[in-house]
PDB file of N, CA and C in Angstrom:
ATOM      1  N   MET A   1     138.424 -20.562 103.492  1.00  0.00           N
ATOM      2  CA  MET A   1     139.493 -19.625 103.738  1.00  0.00           C
ATOM      3  C   MET A   1     138.906 -18.288 104.152  1.00  0.00           C
ATOM      4  N   LYS A   2     139.486 -17.814 105.157  1.00  0.00           N
ATOM      5  CA  LYS A   2     139.032 -16.553 105.690  1.00  0.00           C
ATOM      6  C   LYS A   2     139.908 -15.429 105.140  1.00  0.00           C
ATOM      7  N   GLN A   3     139.286 -14.370 104.708  1.00  0.00           N
ATOM      8  CA  GLN A   3     140.036 -13.242 104.167  1.00  0.00           C
ATOM      9  C   GLN A   3     140.423 -12.315 105.310  1.00  0.00           C
ATOM     10  N   GLN A   4     141.681 -11.835 105.244  1.00  0.00           N
ATOM     11  CA  GLN A   4     142.161 -10.958 106.304  1.00  0.00           C
ATOM     12  C   GLN A   4     141.589  -9.552 106.092  1.00  0.00           C
ATOM     13  N   PRO A   5     141.363  -8.854 107.178  1.00  0.00           N
ATOM     14  CA  PRO A   5     140.838  -7.498 107.043  1.00  0.00           C
ATOM     15  C   PRO A   5     141.861  -6.569 106.378  1.00  0.00           C
ATOM     16  N   VAL A   6     141.345  -5.622 105.646  1.00  0.00           N
ATOM     17  CA  VAL A   6     142.193  -4.672 104.935  1.00  0.00           C
ATOM     18  C   VAL A   6     142.682  -3.615 105.923  1.00  0.00           C
ATOM     19  N   ASP A   7     143.984  -3.397 105.903  1.00  0.00           N
ATOM     20  CA  ASP A   7     144.559  -2.369 106.774  1.00  0.00           C
ATOM     21  C   ASP A   7     144.471  -1.031 106.055  1.00  0.00           C
ATOM     22  N   LYS A   8     143.530  -0.216 106.514  1.00  0.00           N
ATOM     23  CA  LYS A   8     143.275   1.065 105.841  1.00  0.00           C
ATOM     24  C   LYS A   8     144.454   2.017 105.982  1.00  0.00           C
ATOM     25  N   ASN A   9     145.160   1.974 107.075  1.00  0.00           N
ATOM     26  CA  ASN A   9     146.332   2.844 107.259  1.00  0.00           C
ATOM     27  C   ASN A   9     147.448   2.488 106.274  1.00  0.00           C
ATOM     28  N   GLU A  10     147.642   1.208 106.048  1.00  0.00           N
ATOM     29  CA  GLU A  10     148.675   0.772 105.090  1.00  0.00           C
ATOM     30  C   GLU A  10     148.337   1.239 103.685  1.00  0.00           C
ATOM     31  N   ILE A  11     147.059   1.126 103.320  1.00  0.00           N
ATOM     32  CA  ILE A  11     146.629   1.586 101.993  1.00  0.00           C
ATOM     33  C   ILE A  11     146.835   3.095 101.881  1.00  0.00           C
ATOM     34  N   TYR A  12     146.469   3.818 102.921  1.00  0.00           N
ATOM     35  CA  TYR A  12     146.632   5.267 102.901  1.00  0.00           C
ATOM     36  C   TYR A  12     148.102   5.631 102.808  1.00  0.00           C
ATOM     37  N   ASP A  13     148.955   4.998 103.578  1.00  0.00           N
ATOM     38  CA  ASP A  13     150.401   5.270 103.533  1.00  0.00           C
ATOM     39  C   ASP A  13     150.975   4.958 102.153  1.00  0.00           C
ATOM     40  N   GLN A  14     150.572   3.850 101.584  1.00  0.00           N
ATOM     41  CA  GLN A  14     151.048   3.476 100.251  1.00  0.00           C
ATOM     42  C   GLN A  14     150.596   4.518  99.208  1.00  0.00           C
ATOM     43  N   PHE A  15     149.355   4.953  99.337  1.00  0.00           N
ATOM     44  CA  PHE A  15     148.832   5.967  98.412  1.00  0.00           C
ATOM     45  C   PHE A  15     149.580   7.292  98.583  1.00  0.00           C
ATOM     46  N   ALA A  16     149.879   7.661  99.816  1.00  0.00           N
ATOM     47  CA  ALA A  16     150.630   8.893 100.090  1.00  0.00           C
ATOM     48  C   ALA A  16     152.033   8.812  99.488  1.00  0.00           C
ATOM     49  N   ARG A  17     152.704   7.655  99.634  1.00  0.00           N
ATOM     50  CA  ARG A  17     154.041   7.474  99.046  1.00  0.00           C
ATOM     51  C   ARG A  17     153.983   7.574  97.522  1.00  0.00           C
ATOM     52  N   LEU A  18     152.999   6.931  96.943  1.00  0.00           N
ATOM     53  CA  LEU A  18     152.839   6.964  95.488  1.00  0.00           C
ATOM     54  C   LEU A  18     152.563   8.385  95.007  1.00  0.00           C
ATOM     55  N   THR A  19     151.741   9.110  95.754  1.00  0.00           N
ATOM     56  CA  THR A  19     151.457  10.514  95.403  1.00  0.00           C
ATOM     57  C   THR A  19     152.728  11.347  95.463  1.00  0.00           C
ATOM     58  N   GLN A  20     153.539  11.167  96.492  1.00  0.00           N
ATOM     59  CA  GLN A  20     154.791  11.919  96.626  1.00  0.00           C
ATOM     60  C   GLN A  20     155.773  11.550  95.515  1.00  0.00           C
ATOM     61  N   GLN A  21     155.870  10.275  95.195  1.00  0.00           N
ATOM     62  CA  GLN A  21     156.749   9.838  94.097  1.00  0.00           C
ATOM     63  C   GLN A  21     156.310  10.461  92.779  1.00  0.00           C
ATOM     64  N   THR A  22     155.004  10.540  92.574  1.00  0.00           N
ATOM     65  CA  THR A  22     154.477  11.152  91.347  1.00  0.00           C
ATOM     66  C   THR A  22     154.828  12.630  91.293  1.00  0.00           C
ATOM     67  N   LYS A  23     154.680  13.327  92.430  1.00  0.00           N
ATOM     68  CA  LYS A  23     155.048  14.757  92.486  1.00  0.00           C
ATOM     69  C   LYS A  23     156.539  14.937  92.215  1.00  0.00           C
ATOM     70  N   ASP A  24     157.375  14.086  92.814  1.00  0.00           N
ATOM     71  CA  ASP A  24     158.820  14.152  92.582  1.00  0.00           C
ATOM     72  C   ASP A  24     159.151  13.914  91.109  1.00  0.00           C
ATOM     73  N   LEU A  25     158.464  12.966  90.505  1.00  0.00           N
ATOM     74  CA  LEU A  25     158.681  12.680  89.088  1.00  0.00           C
ATOM     75  C   LEU A  25     158.282  13.870  88.218  1.00  0.00           C
ATOM     76  N   VAL A  26     157.159  14.503  88.542  1.00  0.00           N
ATOM     77  CA  VAL A  26     156.718  15.687  87.787  1.00  0.00           C
ATOM     78  C   VAL A  26     157.743  16.810  87.936  1.00  0.00           C
ATOM     79  N   ASP A  27     158.246  17.012  89.158  1.00  0.00           N
ATOM     80  CA  ASP A  27     159.275  18.038  89.372  1.00  0.00           C
ATOM     81  C   ASP A  27     160.524  17.741  88.546  1.00  0.00           C
ATOM     82  N   SER A  28     160.947  16.494  88.534  1.00  0.00           N
ATOM     83  CA  SER A  28     162.125  16.098  87.760  1.00  0.00           C
ATOM     84  C   SER A  28     161.902  16.327  86.265  1.00  0.00           C
ATOM     85  N   VAL A  29     160.711  16.015  85.784  1.00  0.00           N
ATOM     86  CA  VAL A  29     160.389  16.219  84.369  1.00  0.00           C
ATOM     87  C   VAL A  29     160.412  17.709  84.043  1.00  0.00           C
ATOM     88  N   GLU A  30     159.919  18.557  84.929  1.00  0.00           N
ATOM     89  CA  GLU A  30     159.934  19.997  84.696  1.00  0.00           C
ATOM     90  C   GLU A  30     161.365  20.538  84.631  1.00  0.00           C
ATOM     91  N   VAL A  31     162.219  20.078  85.552  1.00  0.00           N
ATOM     92  CA  VAL A  31     163.624  20.497  85.544  1.00  0.00           C
ATOM     93  C   VAL A  31     164.293  20.044  84.251  1.00  0.00           C
ATOM     94  N   LEU A  32     164.064  18.815  83.882  1.00  0.00           N
ATOM     95  CA  LEU A  32     164.648  18.285  82.650  1.00  0.00           C
ATOM     96  C   LEU A  32     164.138  19.043  81.435  1.00  0.00           C
ATOM     97  N   SER A  33     162.855  19.374  81.438  1.00  0.00           N
ATOM     98  CA  SER A  33     162.271  20.126  80.331  1.00  0.00           C
ATOM     99  C   SER A  33     162.901  21.512  80.210  1.00  0.00           C
ATOM    100  N   ASP A  34     163.120  22.188  81.348  1.00  0.00           N
ATOM    101  CA  ASP A  34     163.777  23.502  81.330  1.00  0.00           C
ATOM    102  C   ASP A  34     165.203  23.399  80.794  1.00  0.00           C
ATOM    103  N   ARG A  35     165.923  22.387  81.249  1.00  0.00           N
ATOM    104  CA  ARG A  35     167.295  22.202  80.776  1.00  0.00           C
ATOM    105  C   ARG A  35     167.325  21.913  79.283  1.00  0.00           C
ATOM    106  N   MET A  36     166.394  21.080  78.818  1.00  0.00           N
ATOM    107  CA  MET A  36     166.350  20.738  77.405  1.00  0.00           C
ATOM    108  C   MET A  36     166.002  21.970  76.563  1.00  0.00           C
ATOM    109  N   THR A  37     165.101  22.804  77.058  1.00  0.00           N
ATOM    110  CA  THR A  37     164.754  24.036  76.352  1.00  0.00           C
ATOM    111  C   THR A  37     165.980  24.938  76.210  1.00  0.00           C
ATOM    112  N   LYS A  38     166.761  25.050  77.272  1.00  0.00           N
ATOM    113  CA  LYS A  38     167.980  25.863  77.224  1.00  0.00           C
ATOM    114  C   LYS A  38     168.985  25.282  76.234  1.00  0.00           C
ATOM    115  N   VAL A  39     169.140  23.978  76.243  1.00  0.00           N
ATOM    116  CA  VAL A  39     170.078  23.323  75.317  1.00  0.00           C
ATOM    117  C   VAL A  39     169.633  23.528  73.865  1.00  0.00           C
ATOM    118  N   LEU A  40     168.335  23.381  73.609  1.00  0.00           N
ATOM    119  CA  LEU A  40     167.830  23.567  72.249  1.00  0.00           C
ATOM    120  C   LEU A  40     167.984  25.014  71.788  1.00  0.00           C
ATOM    121  N   ALA A  41     167.770  25.963  72.699  1.00  0.00           N
ATOM    122  CA  ALA A  41     167.965  27.374  72.353  1.00  0.00           C
ATOM    123  C   ALA A  41     169.431  27.645  72.030  1.00  0.00           C
ATOM    124  N   GLU A  42     170.342  27.106  72.834  1.00  0.00           N
ATOM    125  CA  GLU A  42     171.776  27.268  72.582  1.00  0.00           C
ATOM    126  C   GLU A  42     172.163  26.609  71.256  1.00  0.00           C
ATOM    127  N   ASN A  43     171.597  25.441  70.989  1.00  0.00           N
ATOM    128  CA  ASN A  43     171.865  24.743  69.738  1.00  0.00           C
ATOM    129  C   ASN A  43     171.404  25.591  68.552  1.00  0.00           C
ATOM    130  N   ALA A  44     170.232  26.195  68.660  1.00  0.00           N
ATOM    131  CA  ALA A  44     169.716  27.045  67.571  1.00  0.00           C
ATOM    132  C   ALA A  44     170.622  28.249  67.366  1.00  0.00           C
ATOM    133  N   ARG A  45     171.058  28.867  68.476  1.00  0.00           N
ATOM    134  CA  ARG A  45     171.953  30.029  68.374  1.00  0.00           C
ATOM    135  C   ARG A  45     173.269  29.637  67.709  1.00  0.00           C
ATOM    136  N   LEU A  46     173.832  28.505  68.124  1.00  0.00           N
ATOM    137  CA  LEU A  46     175.098  28.057  67.548  1.00  0.00           C
ATOM    138  C   LEU A  46     174.945  27.662  66.080  1.00  0.00           C
ATOM    139  N   THR A  47     173.805  27.095  65.727  1.00  0.00           N
ATOM    140  CA  THR A  47     173.550  26.737  64.330  1.00  0.00           C
ATOM    141  C   THR A  47     173.524  27.989  63.462  1.00  0.00           C
ATOM    142  N   ILE A  48     172.845  29.028  63.940  1.00  0.00           N
ATOM    143  CA  ILE A  48     172.782  30.288  63.194  1.00  0.00           C
ATOM    144  C   ILE A  48     174.171  30.903  63.084  1.00  0.00           C
ATOM    145  N   GLU A  49     174.921  30.911  64.185  1.00  0.00           N
ATOM    146  CA  GLU A  49     176.278  31.464  64.170  1.00  0.00           C
ATOM    147  C   GLU A  49     177.176  30.670  63.225  1.00  0.00           C
ATOM    148  N   ASN A  50     177.043  29.351  63.232  1.00  0.00           N
ATOM    149  CA  ASN A  50     177.835  28.501  62.353  1.00  0.00           C
ATOM    150  C   ASN A  50     177.526  28.798  60.884  1.00  0.00           C
ATOM    151  N   GLU A  51     176.236  28.925  60.568  1.00  0.00           N
ATOM    152  CA  GLU A  51     175.850  29.243  59.185  1.00  0.00           C
ATOM    153  C   GLU A  51     176.415  30.593  58.765  1.00  0.00           C
ATOM    154  N   HIS A  52     176.375  31.561  59.688  1.00  0.00           N
ATOM    155  CA  HIS A  52     176.935  32.881  59.375  1.00  0.00           C
ATOM    156  C   HIS A  52     178.439  32.789  59.113  1.00  0.00           C
ATOM    157  N   LEU A  53     179.146  32.064  59.970  1.00  0.00           N
ATOM    158  CA  LEU A  53     180.593  31.922  59.795  1.00  0.00           C
ATOM    159  C   LEU A  53     180.930  31.189  58.497  1.00  0.00           C
ATOM    160  N   GLN A  54     180.146  30.167  58.168  1.00  0.00           N
ATOM    161  CA  GLN A  54     180.374  29.457  56.906  1.00  0.00           C
ATOM    162  C   GLN A  54     180.151  30.388  55.721  1.00  0.00           C
ATOM    163  N   SER A  55     179.171  31.266  55.830  1.00  0.00           N
ATOM    164  CA  SER A  55     178.907  32.240  54.771  1.00  0.00           C
ATOM    165  C   SER A  55     180.080  33.207  54.621  1.00  0.00           C
ATOM    166  N   VAL A  56     180.599  33.674  55.751  1.00  0.00           N
ATOM    167  CA  VAL A  56     181.752  34.587  55.716  1.00  0.00           C
ATOM    168  C   VAL A  56     182.959  33.898  55.095  1.00  0.00           C
ATOM    169  N   ILE A  57     183.189  32.647  55.477  1.00  0.00           N
ATOM    170  CA  ILE A  57     184.317  31.889  54.921  1.00  0.00           C
ATOM    171  C   ILE A  57     184.137  31.691  53.423  1.00  0.00           C
ATOM    172  N   ALA A  58     182.918  31.348  53.008  1.00  0.00           N
ATOM    173  CA  ALA A  58     182.649  31.141  51.582  1.00  0.00           C
ATOM    174  C   ALA A  58     182.876  32.439  50.799  1.00  0.00           C
ATOM    175  N   GLN A  59     182.432  33.558  51.354  1.00  0.00           N
ATOM    176  CA  GLN A  59     182.645  34.843  50.683  1.00  0.00           C
ATOM    177  C   GLN A  59     184.128  35.156  50.592  1.00  0.00           C
ATOM    178  N   SER A  60     184.863  34.834  51.655  1.00  0.00           N
ATOM    179  CA  SER A  60     186.306  35.068  51.660  1.00  0.00           C
ATOM    180  C   SER A  60     186.989  34.240  50.575  1.00  0.00           C
ATOM    181  N   HIS A  61     186.577  32.976  50.448  1.00  0.00           N
ATOM    182  CA  HIS A  61     187.167  32.108  49.422  1.00  0.00           C
ATOM    183  C   HIS A  61     186.790  32.589  48.025  1.00  0.00           C
ATOM    184  N   GLU A  62     185.549  33.044  47.852  1.00  0.00           N
ATOM    185  CA  GLU A  62     185.128  33.558  46.545  1.00  0.00           C
ATOM    186  C   GLU A  62     185.938  34.790  46.174  1.00  0.00           C
ATOM    187  N   LYS A  63     186.126  35.683  47.142  1.00  0.00           N
ATOM    188  CA  LYS A  63     186.892  36.901  46.880  1.00  0.00           C
ATOM    189  C   LYS A  63     188.337  36.558  46.560  1.00  0.00           C
ATOM    190  N   LYS A  64     188.886  35.576  47.287  1.00  0.00           N
ATOM    191  CA  LYS A  64     190.262  35.149  47.033  1.00  0.00           C
ATOM    192  C   LYS A  64     190.389  34.552  45.628  1.00  0.00           C
ATOM    193  N   GLN A  65     189.389  33.783  45.210  1.00  0.00           N
ATOM    194  CA  GLN A  65     189.436  33.160  43.904  1.00  0.00           C
ATOM    195  C   GLN A  65     189.269  34.191  42.789  1.00  0.00           C
ATOM    196  N   GLU A  66     188.542  35.287  43.064  1.00  0.00           N
ATOM    197  CA  GLU A  66     188.337  36.314  42.039  1.00  0.00           C
ATOM    198  C   GLU A  66     189.652  36.957  41.621  1.00  0.00           C
ATOM    199  N   ASP A  67     190.466  37.356  42.590  1.00  0.00           N
ATOM    200  CA  ASP A  67     191.705  38.047  42.247  1.00  0.00           C
ATOM    201  C   ASP A  67     192.958  37.230  42.549  1.00  0.00           C
ATOM    202  N   GLY A  68     192.818  36.091  43.159  1.00  0.00           N
ATOM    203  CA  GLY A  68     193.936  35.201  43.385  1.00  0.00           C
ATOM    204  C   GLY A  68     194.716  35.453  44.657  1.00  0.00           C
ATOM    205  N   LEU A  69     194.457  36.548  45.358  1.00  0.00           N
ATOM    206  CA  LEU A  69     195.201  36.860  46.581  1.00  0.00           C
ATOM    207  C   LEU A  69     194.247  37.054  47.748  1.00  0.00           C
ATOM    208  N   SER A  70     194.671  36.567  48.914  1.00  0.00           N
ATOM    209  CA  SER A  70     193.902  36.823  50.127  1.00  0.00           C
ATOM    210  C   SER A  70     194.156  38.270  50.550  1.00  0.00           C
ATOM    211  N   GLU A  71     193.372  38.746  51.496  1.00  0.00           N
ATOM    212  CA  GLU A  71     193.523  40.126  51.964  1.00  0.00           C
ATOM    213  C   GLU A  71     194.919  40.366  52.546  1.00  0.00           C
ATOM    214  N   SER A  72     195.430  39.410  53.306  1.00  0.00           N
ATOM    215  CA  SER A  72     196.752  39.591  53.907  1.00  0.00           C
ATOM    216  C   SER A  72     197.848  39.648  52.840  1.00  0.00           C
ATOM    217  N   ARG A  73     197.692  38.843  51.795  1.00  0.00           N
ATOM    218  CA  ARG A  73     198.692  38.878  50.709  1.00  0.00           C
ATOM    219  C   ARG A  73     198.573  40.168  49.900  1.00  0.00           C
ATOM    220  N   LYS A  74     197.364  40.699  49.784  1.00  0.00           N
ATOM    221  CA  LYS A  74     197.197  42.003  49.109  1.00  0.00           C
ATOM    222  C   LYS A  74     197.933  43.098  49.869  1.00  0.00           C
ATOM    223  N   ILE A  75     197.878  43.039  51.195  1.00  0.00           N
ATOM    224  CA  ILE A  75     198.587  44.024  52.018  1.00  0.00           C
ATOM    225  C   ILE A  75     200.088  43.893  51.799  1.00  0.00           C
ATOM    226  N   LEU A  76     200.585  42.658  51.781  1.00  0.00           N
ATOM    227  CA  LEU A  76     202.011  42.447  51.504  1.00  0.00           C
ATOM    228  C   LEU A  76     202.379  42.964  50.116  1.00  0.00           C
ATOM    229  N   GLN A  77     201.510  42.701  49.144  1.00  0.00           N
ATOM    230  CA  GLN A  77     201.755  43.176  47.772  1.00  0.00           C
ATOM    231  C   GLN A  77     201.844  44.696  47.743  1.00  0.00           C
ATOM    232  N   LYS A  78     200.944  45.367  48.436  1.00  0.00           N
ATOM    233  CA  LYS A  78     200.940  46.835  48.461  1.00  0.00           C
ATOM    234  C   LYS A  78     202.217  47.367  49.107  1.00  0.00           C
ATOM    235  N   LEU A  79     202.625  46.762  50.225  1.00  0.00           N
ATOM    236  CA  LEU A  79     203.871  47.178  50.871  1.00  0.00           C
ATOM    237  C   LEU A  79     205.066  46.984  49.937  1.00  0.00           C
ATOM    238  N   TYR A  80     205.092  45.865  49.242  1.00  0.00           N
ATOM    239  CA  TYR A  80     206.179  45.561  48.315  1.00  0.00           C
ATOM    240  C   TYR A  80     206.197  46.578  47.181  1.00  0.00           C
ATOM    241  N   GLN A  81     205.015  46.908  46.658  1.00  0.00           N
ATOM    242  CA  GLN A  81     204.920  47.887  45.569  1.00  0.00           C
ATOM    243  C   GLN A  81     205.330  49.285  46.025  1.00  0.00           C
ATOM    244  N   GLU A  82     205.191  49.548  47.324  1.00  0.00           N
ATOM    245  CA  GLU A  82     205.615  50.837  47.867  1.00  0.00           C
ATOM    246  C   GLU A  82     207.105  50.866  48.183  1.00  0.00           C
ATOM    247  N   GLY A  83     207.788  49.748  47.949  1.00  0.00           N
ATOM    248  CA  GLY A  83     209.245  49.737  48.071  1.00  0.00           C
ATOM    249  C   GLY A  83     209.793  49.128  49.348  1.00  0.00           C
ATOM    250  N   PHE A  84     209.040  48.265  49.986  1.00  0.00           N
ATOM    251  CA  PHE A  84     209.499  47.637  51.223  1.00  0.00           C
ATOM    252  C   PHE A  84     209.566  46.122  51.066  1.00  0.00           C
ATOM    253  N   HIS A  85     210.551  45.536  51.745  1.00  0.00           N
ATOM    254  CA  HIS A  85     210.645  44.080  51.790  1.00  0.00           C
ATOM    255  C   HIS A  85     209.497  43.528  52.636  1.00  0.00           C
ATOM    256  N   VAL A  86     208.932  42.401  52.204  1.00  0.00           N
ATOM    257  CA  VAL A  86     207.891  41.716  52.974  1.00  0.00           C
ATOM    258  C   VAL A  86     208.307  40.283  53.303  1.00  0.00           C
ATOM    259  N   CYS A  87     209.526  39.914  52.953  1.00  0.00           N
ATOM    260  CA  CYS A  87     210.024  38.574  53.262  1.00  0.00           C
ATOM    261  C   CYS A  87     210.483  38.529  54.722  1.00  0.00           C
ATOM    262  N   ASN A  88     210.652  37.320  55.231  1.00  0.00           N
ATOM    263  CA  ASN A  88     211.028  37.147  56.642  1.00  0.00           C
ATOM    264  C   ASN A  88     212.383  37.762  56.979  1.00  0.00           C
ATOM    265  N   ASP A  89     213.358  37.620  56.093  1.00  0.00           N
ATOM    266  CA  ASP A  89     214.719  38.060  56.397  1.00  0.00           C
ATOM    267  C   ASP A  89     214.872  39.578  56.419  1.00  0.00           C
ATOM    268  N   MET A  90     214.159  40.256  55.536  1.00  0.00           N
ATOM    269  CA  MET A  90     214.391  41.693  55.361  1.00  0.00           C
ATOM    270  C   MET A  90     213.145  42.540  55.629  1.00  0.00           C
ATOM    271  N   TYR A  91     212.141  41.988  56.263  1.00  0.00           N
ATOM    272  CA  TYR A  91     210.842  42.642  56.411  1.00  0.00           C
ATOM    273  C   TYR A  91     210.978  44.085  56.906  1.00  0.00           C
ATOM    274  N   GLY A  92     210.356  44.986  56.152  1.00  0.00           N
ATOM    275  CA  GLY A  92     210.301  46.392  56.533  1.00  0.00           C
ATOM    276  C   GLY A  92     211.450  47.237  56.018  1.00  0.00           C
ATOM    277  N   LYS A  93     212.515  46.603  55.519  1.00  0.00           N
ATOM    278  CA  LYS A  93     213.640  47.377  54.984  1.00  0.00           C
ATOM    279  C   LYS A  93     213.293  47.836  53.578  1.00  0.00           C
ATOM    280  N   ARG A  94     213.867  48.953  53.178  1.00  0.00           N
ATOM    281  CA  ARG A  94     213.613  49.516  51.855  1.00  0.00           C
ATOM    282  C   ARG A  94     214.285  48.695  50.762  1.00  0.00           C
ATOM    283  N   LEU A  95     213.576  48.559  49.658  1.00  0.00           N
ATOM    284  CA  LEU A  95     214.164  47.954  48.458  1.00  0.00           C
ATOM    285  C   LEU A  95     214.995  49.012  47.759  1.00  0.00           C
ATOM    286  N   GLU A  96     216.089  48.578  47.169  1.00  0.00           N
ATOM    287  CA  GLU A  96     216.868  49.508  46.347  1.00  0.00           C
ATOM    288  C   GLU A  96     216.068  49.817  45.091  1.00  0.00           C
ATOM    289  N   LYS A  97     216.408  50.900  44.417  1.00  0.00           N
ATOM    290  CA  LYS A  97     215.697  51.282  43.202  1.00  0.00           C
ATOM    291  C   LYS A  97     215.799  50.156  42.174  1.00  0.00           C
ATOM    292  N   ASN A  98     214.648  49.778  41.613  1.00  0.00           N
ATOM    293  CA  ASN A  98     214.524  48.711  40.619  1.00  0.00           C
ATOM    294  C   ASN A  98     214.957  47.342  41.145  1.00  0.00           C
ATOM    295  N   GLU A  99     215.029  47.185  42.452  1.00  0.00           N
ATOM    296  CA  GLU A  99     215.399  45.901  43.037  1.00  0.00           C
ATOM    297  C   GLU A  99     214.132  45.046  43.175  1.00  0.00           C
ATOM    298  N   SER A 100     214.316  43.770  42.937  1.00  0.00           N
ATOM    299  CA  SER A 100     213.229  42.831  43.238  1.00  0.00           C
ATOM    300  C   SER A 100     213.782  41.767  44.172  1.00  0.00           C
ATOM    301  N   CYS A 101     212.887  41.165  44.924  1.00  0.00           N
ATOM    302  CA  CYS A 101     213.319  40.172  45.910  1.00  0.00           C
ATOM    303  C   CYS A 101     212.499  38.912  45.696  1.00  0.00           C
ATOM    304  N   THR A 102     213.186  37.837  45.366  1.00  0.00           N
ATOM    305  CA  THR A 102     212.520  36.557  45.133  1.00  0.00           C
ATOM    306  C   THR A 102     211.788  36.075  46.380  1.00  0.00           C
ATOM    307  N   PHE A 103     212.382  36.330  47.537  1.00  0.00           N
ATOM    308  CA  PHE A 103     211.743  35.889  48.782  1.00  0.00           C
ATOM    309  C   PHE A 103     210.450  36.652  49.048  1.00  0.00           C
ATOM    310  N   CYS A 104     210.462  37.956  48.743  1.00  0.00           N
ATOM    311  CA  CYS A 104     209.244  38.760  48.894  1.00  0.00           C
ATOM    312  C   CYS A 104     208.163  38.272  47.932  1.00  0.00           C
ATOM    313  N   LEU A 105     208.561  38.035  46.680  1.00  0.00           N
ATOM    314  CA  LEU A 105     207.593  37.569  45.690  1.00  0.00           C
ATOM    315  C   LEU A 105     207.016  36.216  46.093  1.00  0.00           C
ATOM    316  N   ASP A 106     207.861  35.370  46.691  1.00  0.00           N
ATOM    317  CA  ASP A 106     207.378  34.078  47.168  1.00  0.00           C
ATOM    318  C   ASP A 106     206.408  34.260  48.334  1.00  0.00           C
ATOM    319  N   ALA A 107     206.687  35.231  49.207  1.00  0.00           N
ATOM    320  CA  ALA A 107     205.782  35.490  50.323  1.00  0.00           C
ATOM    321  C   ALA A 107     204.430  35.986  49.838  1.00  0.00           C
ATOM    322  N   ILE A 108     204.414  36.746  48.752  1.00  0.00           N
ATOM    323  CA  ILE A 108     203.169  37.303  48.224  1.00  0.00           C
ATOM    324  C   ILE A 108     202.438  36.297  47.350  1.00  0.00           C
ATOM    325  N   TYR A 109     203.137  35.696  46.404  1.00  0.00           N
ATOM    326  CA  TYR A 109     202.471  34.885  45.381  1.00  0.00           C
ATOM    327  C   TYR A 109     202.681  33.376  45.532  1.00  0.00           C
ATOM    328  N   GLY A 110     203.621  32.968  46.345  1.00  0.00           N
ATOM    329  CA  GLY A 110     203.947  31.546  46.449  1.00  0.00           C
ATOM    330  C   GLY A 110     202.981  30.764  47.307  1.00  0.00           C
ATOM    331  N   ARG A 111     202.928  29.471  47.070  1.00  0.00           N
ATOM    332  CA  ARG A 111     202.149  28.512  47.871  1.00  0.00           C
ATOM    333  C   ARG A 111     200.688  28.915  48.042  1.00  0.00           C
ATOM    334  N   GLN A 112     200.085  29.409  46.999  1.00  0.00           N
ATOM    335  CA  GLN A 112     198.663  29.739  47.061  1.00  0.00           C
ATOM    336  C   GLN A 112     197.847  28.502  46.829  1.00  0.00           C
ATOM    337  N   LYS A 113     196.722  28.404  47.525  1.00  0.00           N
ATOM    338  CA  LYS A 113     195.832  27.255  47.364  1.00  0.00           C
ATOM    339  C   LYS A 113     194.610  27.667  46.601  1.00  0.00           C
TER     340      LYS A 113
END
């Protein structure tokens, strides 16, 4: 059996194609690496922000549990103590002297969790 001569141009062309494919692959890996770095940085930022928000929420719940009222209900309580209705029907109207309103009291103290 006679061996056919090697086509040097074909080998060179094949090597050139392989070299270009390798360069393209390296470029793609670099782009992907940059994108992944950005995603990981965003993930770290969001993780820190999430932890901060959870801390704020936990502090809010602790403060609410200490005195039993949220900040918004404390504001309603103060308005009520100053003589104003805080219920839906009469909000902002003056209470009569020594008047109490069950609806206002329910708005301030009712349905607490």
